[in-house]
């Protein structure tokens, strides 16, 4: 599934504020109106919407998010918290949280166009995983600094999370340590996201197991038809049973 490039306001009307996707906010009371029109939500839909919030906020494809969930599941600690830490430490998200880009798609563009350095070296991979003591700076070119300055001018400094330090006049940010989950910039229940994927994995395993059983039974039935002498009537009845007719 490709990265979302459609109308952004449509997504925040359905899912609520997604600051990584757009600085716009849904109108007050729109969530209540949407809920009243849609009726009571199923547990599956609640889990799905939490997963979609995470995906659209961080600008990920379904495959990318699934990859992060699998990495988090293998790590020590709470899978949900590890997942959020992995996503928050991406370079494109760090630029967004520093205020050097107005949205995560904008931050991704800065990285792709080679405007950003990490520890003095150009990094053009938005998913680059930042580490404590990493220094993020703008390329020493007028164009790079003008683009970042426009974002910094509109960025409220009080929203800077505690794990980051910003030096705006030097166009420089510092990663102090791994983010604490309470400083994540999105209202999200990460446990529901983990539950969504764990149930999906379980259903997929059941489907694969069922297909294997059906295929195995069909192979065995064909072998038995060849090696066991039967009357034509018995053979026909066995064929019906094999094919699930009776």
Protein backbone atom coordinates (compact mmCIF):
# COMPACT_ATOMS: atom_id res chain seq x y z
CA UNK A 1 0.00 0.00 0.00
CA UNK A 2 1.45 3.39 -1.02
CA UNK A 3 1.93 6.45 1.17
CA UNK A 4 -1.20 8.63 1.47
CA UNK A 5 -1.27 11.71 -0.78
CA UNK A 6 -4.99 12.48 -0.75
CA UNK A 7 -7.03 15.20 1.02
CA UNK A 8 -5.63 15.73 4.51
CA UNK A 9 -8.65 17.43 6.06
CA UNK A 10 -10.74 14.37 5.21
CA UNK A 11 -8.46 12.26 7.41
CA UNK A 12 -8.50 14.57 10.42
CA UNK A 13 -12.30 14.80 10.26
CA UNK A 14 -12.46 11.04 10.64
CA UNK A 15 -9.48 10.37 12.94
CA UNK A 16 -8.99 13.64 14.85
CA UNK A 17 -5.92 15.90 14.95
CA UNK A 18 -2.88 14.51 13.12
CA UNK A 19 -0.18 17.18 13.61
CA UNK A 20 2.41 15.20 11.67
CA UNK A 21 0.17 15.16 8.59
CA UNK A 22 -1.21 18.70 8.74
CA UNK A 23 -1.29 21.66 11.10
CA UNK A 24 -5.05 21.99 10.52
CA UNK A 25 -7.45 20.89 13.24
CA UNK A 26 -10.96 19.42 12.94
CA UNK A 27 -13.77 21.80 13.85
CA UNK A 28 -14.96 21.69 17.45
CA UNK A 29 -17.74 19.14 17.86
CA UNK A 30 -17.07 17.39 14.55
CA UNK A 31 -16.01 14.20 16.37
CA UNK A 32 -19.34 14.06 18.21
CA UNK A 33 -21.31 14.59 14.99
CA UNK A 34 -19.34 11.86 13.22
CA UNK A 35 -19.95 9.43 16.09
CA UNK A 36 -23.69 10.14 16.16
CA UNK A 37 -23.97 9.54 12.40
CA UNK A 38 -21.86 6.38 12.46
CA UNK A 39 -23.53 4.84 15.51
CA UNK A 40 -21.74 2.61 17.97
CA UNK A 41 -18.26 1.58 16.83
CA UNK A 42 -17.20 -2.05 16.85
CA UNK A 43 -14.04 -3.07 18.70
CA UNK A 44 -12.42 -3.87 15.37
CA UNK A 45 -13.12 -0.37 14.05
CA UNK A 46 -11.73 1.24 17.21
CA UNK A 47 -8.48 -0.73 16.83
CA UNK A 48 -8.34 0.03 13.10
CA UNK A 49 -8.75 3.78 13.65
CA UNK A 50 -5.94 3.84 16.23
CA UNK A 51 -3.70 2.05 13.74
CA UNK A 52 -4.67 4.52 11.00
CA UNK A 53 -3.89 7.47 13.30
CA UNK A 54 -0.37 6.17 13.77
CA UNK A 55 0.10 5.47 10.09
CA UNK A 56 -1.12 8.83 8.78
CA UNK A 57 0.52 10.91 11.52
CA UNK A 58 3.98 9.47 10.80
CA UNK A 59 3.36 9.23 7.04
CA UNK A 60 4.04 5.50 6.72
CA UNK A 61 2.90 2.85 4.30
CA UNK A 62 1.13 -0.20 5.72
CA UNK A 63 4.22 -2.31 5.05
CA UNK A 64 6.50 0.13 6.88
CA UNK A 65 4.26 0.24 9.95
CA UNK A 66 4.01 -3.55 10.01
CA UNK A 67 7.82 -3.75 9.90
CA UNK A 68 8.09 -1.45 12.95
CA UNK A 69 5.49 -3.50 14.84
CA UNK A 70 7.49 -6.68 14.24
CA UNK A 71 10.73 -5.03 15.40
CA UNK A 72 9.00 -3.71 18.54
CA UNK A 73 7.52 -7.14 19.30
CA UNK A 74 11.02 -8.67 19.38
CA UNK A 75 12.47 -5.97 21.66
CA UNK A 76 12.49 -5.97 25.46
CA UNK A 77 9.78 -3.97 27.22
CA UNK A 78 6.27 -2.94 26.26
CA UNK A 79 5.69 -3.50 22.53
CA UNK A 80 3.49 -0.39 22.30
CA UNK A 81 6.02 1.92 23.95
CA UNK A 82 8.92 0.52 21.94
CA UNK A 83 6.88 1.05 18.77
CA UNK A 84 6.29 4.72 19.61
CA UNK A 85 9.98 5.20 20.44
CA UNK A 86 11.02 3.71 17.09
CA UNK A 87 8.67 6.03 15.20
CA UNK A 88 9.59 9.11 17.24
CA UNK A 89 13.32 8.60 16.65
CA UNK A 90 13.00 8.66 12.85
CA UNK A 91 14.91 11.57 11.33
CA UNK A 92 11.87 13.05 9.58
CA UNK A 93 9.94 13.05 12.86
CA UNK A 94 12.86 14.56 14.81
CA UNK A 95 12.98 17.47 12.34
CA UNK A 96 9.23 17.94 12.76
CA UNK A 97 9.43 17.86 16.57
CA UNK A 98 12.32 20.35 16.53
CA UNK A 99 10.16 22.75 14.49
CA UNK A 100 12.56 22.66 11.54
CA UNK A 101 9.67 21.43 9.36
CA UNK A 102 5.97 22.24 9.66
CA UNK A 103 4.84 18.65 8.97
CA UNK A 104 6.46 15.23 8.62
CA UNK A 105 5.92 15.17 4.81
CA UNK A 106 7.73 18.53 4.69
CA UNK A 107 10.54 17.10 6.83
CA UNK A 108 10.79 14.10 4.53
CA UNK A 109 11.19 16.45 1.58
CA UNK A 110 14.05 18.29 3.31
CA UNK A 111 15.84 15.00 3.93
CA UNK A 112 15.26 13.62 0.43
CA UNK A 113 16.63 16.82 -1.13
CA UNK A 114 19.81 16.57 0.98
CA UNK A 115 19.28 19.69 3.09
CA UNK A 116 19.97 17.90 6.41
CA UNK A 117 23.16 16.71 8.11
CA UNK A 118 23.47 14.30 11.04
CA UNK A 119 26.76 14.58 12.93
CA UNK A 120 28.24 16.56 10.04
CA UNK A 121 27.25 14.13 7.27
CA UNK A 122 24.40 14.47 4.78
CA UNK A 123 21.63 11.94 5.41
CA UNK A 124 18.98 11.52 2.72
CA UNK A 125 17.01 8.67 4.31
CA UNK A 126 13.89 9.94 6.17
CA UNK A 127 13.61 6.71 8.18
CA UNK A 128 17.16 7.07 9.55
CA UNK A 129 17.01 6.16 13.24
CA UNK A 130 18.47 8.93 15.40
CA UNK A 131 20.35 8.12 18.60
CA UNK A 132 21.13 10.01 21.81
CA UNK A 133 23.80 12.71 21.29
CA UNK A 134 23.09 12.95 17.55
CA UNK A 135 23.43 16.51 16.21
CA UNK A 136 21.04 17.52 13.42
CA UNK A 137 21.94 20.61 11.38
CA UNK A 138 20.86 22.35 8.19
CA UNK A 139 23.16 22.33 5.19
CA UNK A 140 25.30 25.47 5.09
CA UNK A 141 23.45 26.93 2.11
CA UNK A 142 21.09 29.88 1.89
CA UNK A 143 18.27 27.87 0.33
CA UNK A 144 18.37 25.20 3.05
CA UNK A 145 18.38 27.71 5.88
CA UNK A 146 15.59 29.84 4.43
CA UNK A 147 13.31 26.80 4.16
CA UNK A 148 13.97 25.83 7.78
CA UNK A 149 13.71 29.40 9.07
CA UNK A 150 10.18 29.69 7.70
CA UNK A 151 9.15 26.72 9.85
CA UNK A 152 11.05 27.91 12.93
CA UNK A 153 9.34 31.32 12.78
CA UNK A 154 5.92 29.72 13.26
CA UNK A 155 6.99 27.03 15.75
CA UNK A 156 5.91 27.56 19.39
CA UNK A 157 9.03 26.84 21.47
CA UNK A 158 7.00 25.64 24.46
CA UNK A 159 6.00 22.56 22.42
CA UNK A 160 9.60 21.32 22.16
CA UNK A 161 9.73 17.86 23.82
CA UNK A 162 12.18 17.27 26.67
CA UNK A 163 14.36 14.77 24.81
CA UNK A 164 15.37 17.42 22.24
CA UNK A 165 17.31 20.69 22.36
CA UNK A 166 17.03 23.35 19.66
CA UNK A 167 19.56 26.07 18.81
CA UNK A 168 17.49 28.09 16.30
CA UNK A 169 20.14 30.66 15.36
CA UNK A 170 22.57 27.87 14.47
CA UNK A 171 19.87 25.80 12.72
CA UNK A 172 20.87 22.94 14.97
CA UNK A 173 19.07 20.35 17.07
CA UNK A 174 20.39 17.86 19.60
CA UNK A 175 18.91 14.49 20.59
CA UNK A 176 19.44 14.28 24.36
CA UNK A 177 18.00 10.82 24.99
CA UNK A 178 15.32 8.35 23.89
CA UNK A 179 11.86 9.89 24.12
CA UNK A 180 9.57 9.10 27.03
CA UNK A 181 6.11 7.97 25.87
CA UNK A 182 4.40 10.91 27.64
CA UNK A 183 6.14 13.33 25.24
CA UNK A 184 4.79 11.68 22.09
CA UNK A 185 3.09 14.37 20.02
CA UNK A 186 -0.04 12.36 19.22
CA UNK A 187 -3.06 11.32 21.27
CA UNK A 188 -2.93 7.57 20.70
CA UNK A 189 -3.64 4.29 22.48
CA UNK A 190 -0.67 2.27 21.24
CA UNK A 191 -1.95 -0.91 22.94
CA UNK A 192 -4.91 -0.98 20.56
CA UNK A 193 -2.50 -0.77 17.61
CA UNK A 194 -0.52 -3.73 18.93
CA UNK A 195 -3.76 -5.64 19.53
CA UNK A 196 -4.92 -4.89 15.97
CA UNK A 197 -1.79 -6.47 14.50
CA UNK A 198 -1.67 -9.39 16.94
CA UNK A 199 -5.23 -10.32 15.96
CA UNK A 200 -4.37 -9.91 12.26
CA UNK A 201 -1.38 -12.23 12.68
CA UNK A 202 -3.59 -14.78 14.47
CA UNK A 203 -6.24 -14.73 11.72
CA UNK A 204 -3.57 -15.04 9.03
CA UNK A 205 -2.00 -18.05 10.76
CA UNK A 206 -5.43 -19.70 11.08
CA UNK A 207 -6.15 -19.12 7.39
CA UNK A 208 -2.79 -20.55 6.32
CA UNK A 209 -3.21 -23.57 8.63
CA UNK A 210 -6.70 -24.21 7.26
CA UNK A 211 -5.44 -24.04 3.67
CA UNK A 212 -2.62 -26.47 4.46
CA UNK A 213 -5.06 -28.94 6.07
CA UNK A 214 -7.40 -28.75 3.06
CA UNK A 215 -4.53 -29.24 0.62
CA UNK A 216 -3.10 -32.15 2.62
CA UNK A 217 -6.49 -33.88 2.81
CA UNK A 218 -6.98 -33.48 -0.95
CA UNK A 219 -3.56 -35.03 -1.67
CA UNK A 220 -4.20 -37.97 0.68
CA UNK A 221 -7.66 -38.53 -0.82
CA UNK A 222 -6.26 -38.65 -4.35
CA UNK A 223 -3.62 -41.17 -3.26
CA UNK A 224 -6.24 -43.37 -1.58
CA UNK A 225 -8.42 -43.32 -4.70
CA UNK A 226 -5.49 -44.71 -6.67
CA UNK A 227 -4.30 -47.44 -4.28
CA UNK A 228 -7.51 -48.73 -2.61
CA UNK A 229 -9.69 -50.98 -4.81
CA UNK A 230 -13.28 -49.73 -4.66
CA UNK A 231 -16.50 -50.14 -6.58
CA UNK A 232 -17.57 -47.31 -8.83
CA UNK A 233 -20.24 -46.25 -6.32
CA UNK A 234 -17.79 -46.14 -3.41
CA UNK A 235 -15.33 -44.19 -5.52
CA UNK A 236 -17.98 -41.63 -6.46
CA UNK A 237 -19.06 -41.22 -2.83
CA UNK A 238 -15.46 -40.81 -1.68
CA UNK A 239 -14.87 -38.19 -4.38
CA UNK A 240 -17.89 -36.20 -3.14
CA UNK A 241 -16.56 -36.39 0.44
CA UNK A 242 -13.09 -35.30 -0.65
CA UNK A 243 -14.45 -32.28 -2.53
CA UNK A 244 -16.63 -31.21 0.39
CA UNK A 245 -19.96 -32.03 -1.26
CA UNK A 246 -21.02 -34.29 1.64
